[in-house]
Amino acid sequence: MRAAKVERKTKETEITLELNLDGKGKSDVETPLKFLDHMLESFSKHSGFDLKVKAEGDVEVDDHHLVEDIGIVLGEAFLKALGDKKGIARMSHSIVPMDDSKAEVSVDLSGRPYAVVELPFSEFEERKVGDVSKENIEHLLESFALNGRFNLNVKVEGKNDHHKVEATFKALAKALKESAAVVGDGIPSTKGKL
C-alpha cells in the first residue's frame, strides 16, 4: 500500500495528515477553514486518494500559516507515499469545467519541483473565497508541488471565484490520480531515476 503519515508542529500550526494513494477517495478533514476543508474533500474524492487531515493554526492572525503548512505537509506525504515511483504513469493532465469556469492542470512527477499557477481572481468580489484568502490558494498549490517534488502547471478561466478554485482542485485530483497510477514495472525515465 502506498501511504504516508506526516506530522508538523510549529509555533503557528499543528497538523497531522494521512494520505493513501491506493484508497477509495474517503476523507476526514478538520481545519478551522471550512472552504479549505471542502476543497481537500473534493481533492480526495476525485483523486481516489484517502485523506485524513487534522489541523489547527493561528487563523486569528490570518489564514496564511495554516494554508501554507497544509500544502507543505500534503506535498511531503504525497512524495513519501509515491516511494521509488516504480511503474507510475508519471505525467498526466486534466481539464475540468464547473459552470462558467474551466481549469487545465498538467503534472509531471519528475522529481523536479516547479509550479506555474495562473488562477486569476475577480477584482470585484471579496478578498477571500469562503474563509480562505485568494492569494493563499495559489500559495497552497505551489507549496504542495514544491514539497511533493513535482512539476505543476495550472491555467484557469471563468467568472465565479469559487467555481474556479473548485474546478482547479478537481482537475489537480484527476491529473495526480492518473500520473501516480501504477501502469508498468520500471522507472518512467530515460535516466533510470526520478
Protein backbone atom coordinates (compact mmCIF):
# COMPACT_ATOMS: atom_id res chain seq x y z
CA MET A 1 0.00 0.00 0.00
CA ARG A 2 1.34 3.42 -0.98
CA ALA A 3 0.54 5.52 2.05
CA ALA A 4 2.18 8.04 4.36
CA LYS A 5 1.56 9.92 7.57
CA VAL A 6 3.22 13.28 8.18
CA GLU A 7 3.06 15.49 11.26
CA ARG A 8 4.17 19.10 11.51
CA LYS A 9 4.17 21.21 14.66
CA THR A 10 5.41 24.79 14.78
CA LYS A 11 4.62 27.82 16.93
CA GLU A 12 2.00 28.70 14.28
CA THR A 13 0.39 25.39 13.29
CA GLU A 14 -0.13 21.78 14.30
CA ILE A 15 -1.01 19.34 11.50
CA THR A 16 -1.40 15.59 11.19
CA LEU A 17 -2.05 14.31 7.67
CA GLU A 18 -2.50 10.76 6.37
CA LEU A 19 -2.60 10.00 2.64
CA ASN A 20 -3.28 6.68 0.89
CA LEU A 21 -2.73 6.80 -2.87
CA ASP A 22 -4.43 3.43 -3.32
CA GLY A 23 -7.56 4.37 -1.42
CA LYS A 24 -11.21 4.84 -2.30
CA GLY A 25 -11.48 8.64 -2.13
CA LYS A 26 -12.54 8.73 1.52
CA SER A 27 -11.76 11.84 3.52
CA ASP A 28 -11.84 13.07 7.09
CA VAL A 29 -10.74 16.70 7.09
CA GLU A 30 -10.91 19.03 10.09
CA THR A 31 -9.39 22.51 9.92
CA PRO A 32 -10.70 25.87 11.10
CA LEU A 33 -11.12 26.87 7.42
CA LYS A 34 -14.31 25.33 6.04
CA PHE A 35 -13.69 26.30 2.40
CA LEU A 36 -10.29 24.60 2.60
CA ASP A 37 -11.97 21.52 4.11
CA HIS A 38 -14.37 21.48 1.14
CA MET A 39 -11.50 21.71 -1.39
CA LEU A 40 -9.46 18.97 0.32
CA GLU A 41 -12.52 16.70 0.48
CA SER A 42 -13.16 17.33 -3.22
CA PHE A 43 -9.48 16.59 -3.97
CA SER A 44 -9.74 13.28 -2.10
CA LYS A 45 -12.98 12.26 -3.79
CA HIS A 46 -11.82 12.96 -7.34
CA SER A 47 -8.29 11.56 -6.92
CA GLY A 48 -9.42 8.38 -5.22
CA PHE A 49 -6.80 9.11 -2.53
CA ASP A 50 -7.87 8.58 1.08
CA LEU A 51 -7.06 11.74 3.03
CA LYS A 52 -7.18 12.48 6.75
CA VAL A 53 -6.26 15.95 7.95
CA LYS A 54 -6.39 17.32 11.48
CA ALA A 55 -5.07 20.86 11.60
CA GLU A 56 -5.05 23.85 13.92
CA GLY A 57 -3.34 27.16 13.41
CA ASP A 58 -3.15 30.83 14.26
CA VAL A 59 -6.06 31.79 12.00
CA GLU A 60 -6.83 34.67 14.35
CA VAL A 61 -3.74 36.30 12.76
CA ASP A 62 -4.77 35.20 9.26
CA ASP A 63 -5.02 32.00 7.25
CA HIS A 64 -1.56 32.14 5.62
CA HIS A 65 0.41 29.92 8.02
CA LEU A 66 -2.18 27.15 8.14
CA VAL A 67 -2.85 27.07 4.39
CA GLU A 68 0.87 27.10 3.56
CA ASP A 69 1.71 24.39 6.09
CA ILE A 70 -1.09 22.13 4.85
CA GLY A 71 0.38 22.48 1.35
CA ILE A 72 3.83 21.58 2.71
CA VAL A 73 2.59 18.54 4.63
CA LEU A 74 0.40 17.33 1.74
CA GLY A 75 3.42 17.52 -0.56
CA GLU A 76 5.65 15.66 1.89
CA ALA A 77 3.05 12.92 2.34
CA PHE A 78 2.50 12.60 -1.42
CA LEU A 79 6.23 12.26 -2.09
CA LYS A 80 6.67 9.73 0.72
CA ALA A 81 3.66 7.67 -0.42
CA LEU A 82 4.97 7.53 -4.01
CA GLY A 83 8.07 5.70 -2.78
CA ASP A 84 10.54 4.89 -5.58
CA LYS A 85 7.92 5.76 -8.25
CA LYS A 86 8.49 2.43 -9.95
CA GLY A 87 5.85 1.76 -12.58
CA ILE A 88 3.94 5.04 -12.26
CA ALA A 89 2.49 6.78 -15.31
CA ARG A 90 4.43 9.89 -14.23
CA MET A 91 2.76 12.54 -16.41
CA SER A 92 -0.86 13.49 -16.89
CA HIS A 93 -3.23 16.37 -17.45
CA SER A 94 -6.88 17.10 -16.84
CA ILE A 95 -9.39 19.70 -17.98
CA VAL A 96 -12.37 20.19 -15.68
CA PRO A 97 -15.27 22.58 -16.25
CA MET A 98 -17.51 23.89 -13.48
CA ASP A 99 -20.35 26.05 -14.76
CA ASP A 100 -18.68 29.26 -16.03
CA SER A 101 -15.14 28.13 -15.19
CA LYS A 102 -12.56 25.78 -16.66
CA ALA A 103 -9.33 24.53 -15.08
CA GLU A 104 -6.48 22.92 -17.01
CA VAL A 105 -3.89 21.12 -14.89
CA SER A 106 -0.76 19.31 -16.08
CA VAL A 107 1.60 17.41 -13.80
CA ASP A 108 4.90 15.57 -14.12
CA LEU A 109 6.11 13.55 -11.13
CA SER A 110 9.66 14.07 -12.34
CA GLY A 111 11.30 14.93 -9.03
CA ARG A 112 11.96 18.43 -10.41
CA PRO A 113 9.65 20.72 -8.45
CA TYR A 114 8.20 23.71 -10.26
CA ALA A 115 4.85 25.45 -10.18
CA VAL A 116 3.18 27.77 -12.67
CA VAL A 117 -0.25 28.78 -11.42
CA GLU A 118 -2.45 31.09 -13.49
CA LEU A 119 -5.52 31.45 -11.31
CA PRO A 120 -6.90 34.96 -11.86
CA PHE A 121 -9.48 36.15 -9.36
CA SER A 122 -12.24 38.69 -9.81
CA GLU A 123 -11.35 42.18 -8.67
CA PHE A 124 -14.99 42.83 -7.84
CA GLU A 125 -15.55 40.06 -5.35
CA GLU A 126 -14.28 39.83 -1.79
CA ARG A 127 -10.64 39.27 -0.87
CA LYS A 128 -11.44 35.71 0.13
CA VAL A 129 -13.09 32.67 -1.36
CA GLY A 130 -15.16 31.40 1.53
CA ASP A 131 -12.85 31.84 4.52
CA VAL A 132 -9.55 31.46 2.62
CA SER A 133 -7.58 34.43 1.28
CA LYS A 134 -7.33 34.25 -2.51
CA GLU A 135 -3.55 34.62 -2.62
CA ASN A 136 -3.16 31.67 -0.24
CA ILE A 137 -4.95 29.29 -2.60
CA GLU A 138 -2.19 29.77 -5.17
CA HIS A 139 0.38 29.51 -2.38
CA LEU A 140 -1.07 26.17 -1.22
CA LEU A 141 -0.80 24.76 -4.76
CA GLU A 142 2.81 25.93 -5.04
CA SER A 143 3.73 24.56 -1.59
CA PHE A 144 2.15 21.20 -2.48
CA ALA A 145 4.09 20.93 -5.76
CA LEU A 146 7.43 22.10 -4.37
CA ASN A 147 7.30 19.79 -1.34
CA GLY A 148 5.88 16.91 -3.38
CA ARG A 149 8.75 17.47 -5.83
CA PHE A 150 6.58 17.54 -8.94
CA ASN A 151 6.03 19.92 -11.82
CA LEU A 152 2.63 21.62 -11.75
CA ASN A 153 1.09 23.81 -14.42
CA VAL A 154 -2.35 25.33 -13.79
CA LYS A 155 -4.36 27.58 -16.09
CA VAL A 156 -7.85 28.67 -15.08
CA GLU A 157 -10.51 30.86 -16.66
CA GLY A 158 -14.01 31.80 -15.60
CA LYS A 159 -16.10 34.29 -13.69
CA ASN A 160 -17.03 32.86 -10.30
CA ASP A 161 -14.05 32.56 -7.93
CA HIS A 162 -15.50 29.59 -6.02
CA HIS A 163 -16.06 27.70 -9.29
CA LYS A 164 -12.53 28.49 -10.50
CA VAL A 165 -10.93 27.14 -7.32
CA GLU A 166 -13.13 24.05 -7.13
CA ALA A 167 -12.50 23.20 -10.80
CA THR A 168 -8.76 23.56 -10.09
CA PHE A 169 -8.81 21.13 -7.16
CA LYS A 170 -10.85 18.61 -9.17
CA ALA A 171 -8.54 18.87 -12.19
CA LEU A 172 -5.48 18.53 -9.94
CA ALA A 173 -7.04 15.46 -8.33
CA LYS A 174 -7.70 13.77 -11.66
CA ALA A 175 -4.23 14.59 -13.03
CA LEU A 176 -2.46 13.29 -9.91
CA LYS A 177 -4.62 10.15 -9.84
CA GLU A 178 -3.57 9.32 -13.40
CA SER A 179 0.10 10.27 -13.00
CA ALA A 180 0.50 8.31 -9.74
CA ALA A 181 -1.25 5.22 -11.14
CA VAL A 182 0.93 2.14 -11.43
CA VAL A 183 0.89 1.16 -15.12
CA GLY A 184 4.16 -0.74 -15.52
CA ASP A 185 7.12 -2.06 -13.60
CA GLY A 186 10.03 0.20 -14.49
CA ILE A 187 11.07 3.75 -13.70
CA PRO A 188 9.42 6.02 -16.30
CA SER A 189 12.56 7.94 -17.25
CA THR A 190 15.41 7.52 -19.71
CA LYS A 191 17.69 8.50 -16.81
CA GLY A 192 16.55 5.45 -14.85
CA LYS A 193 15.68 7.62 -11.85
CA LEU A 194 13.04 10.16 -10.87
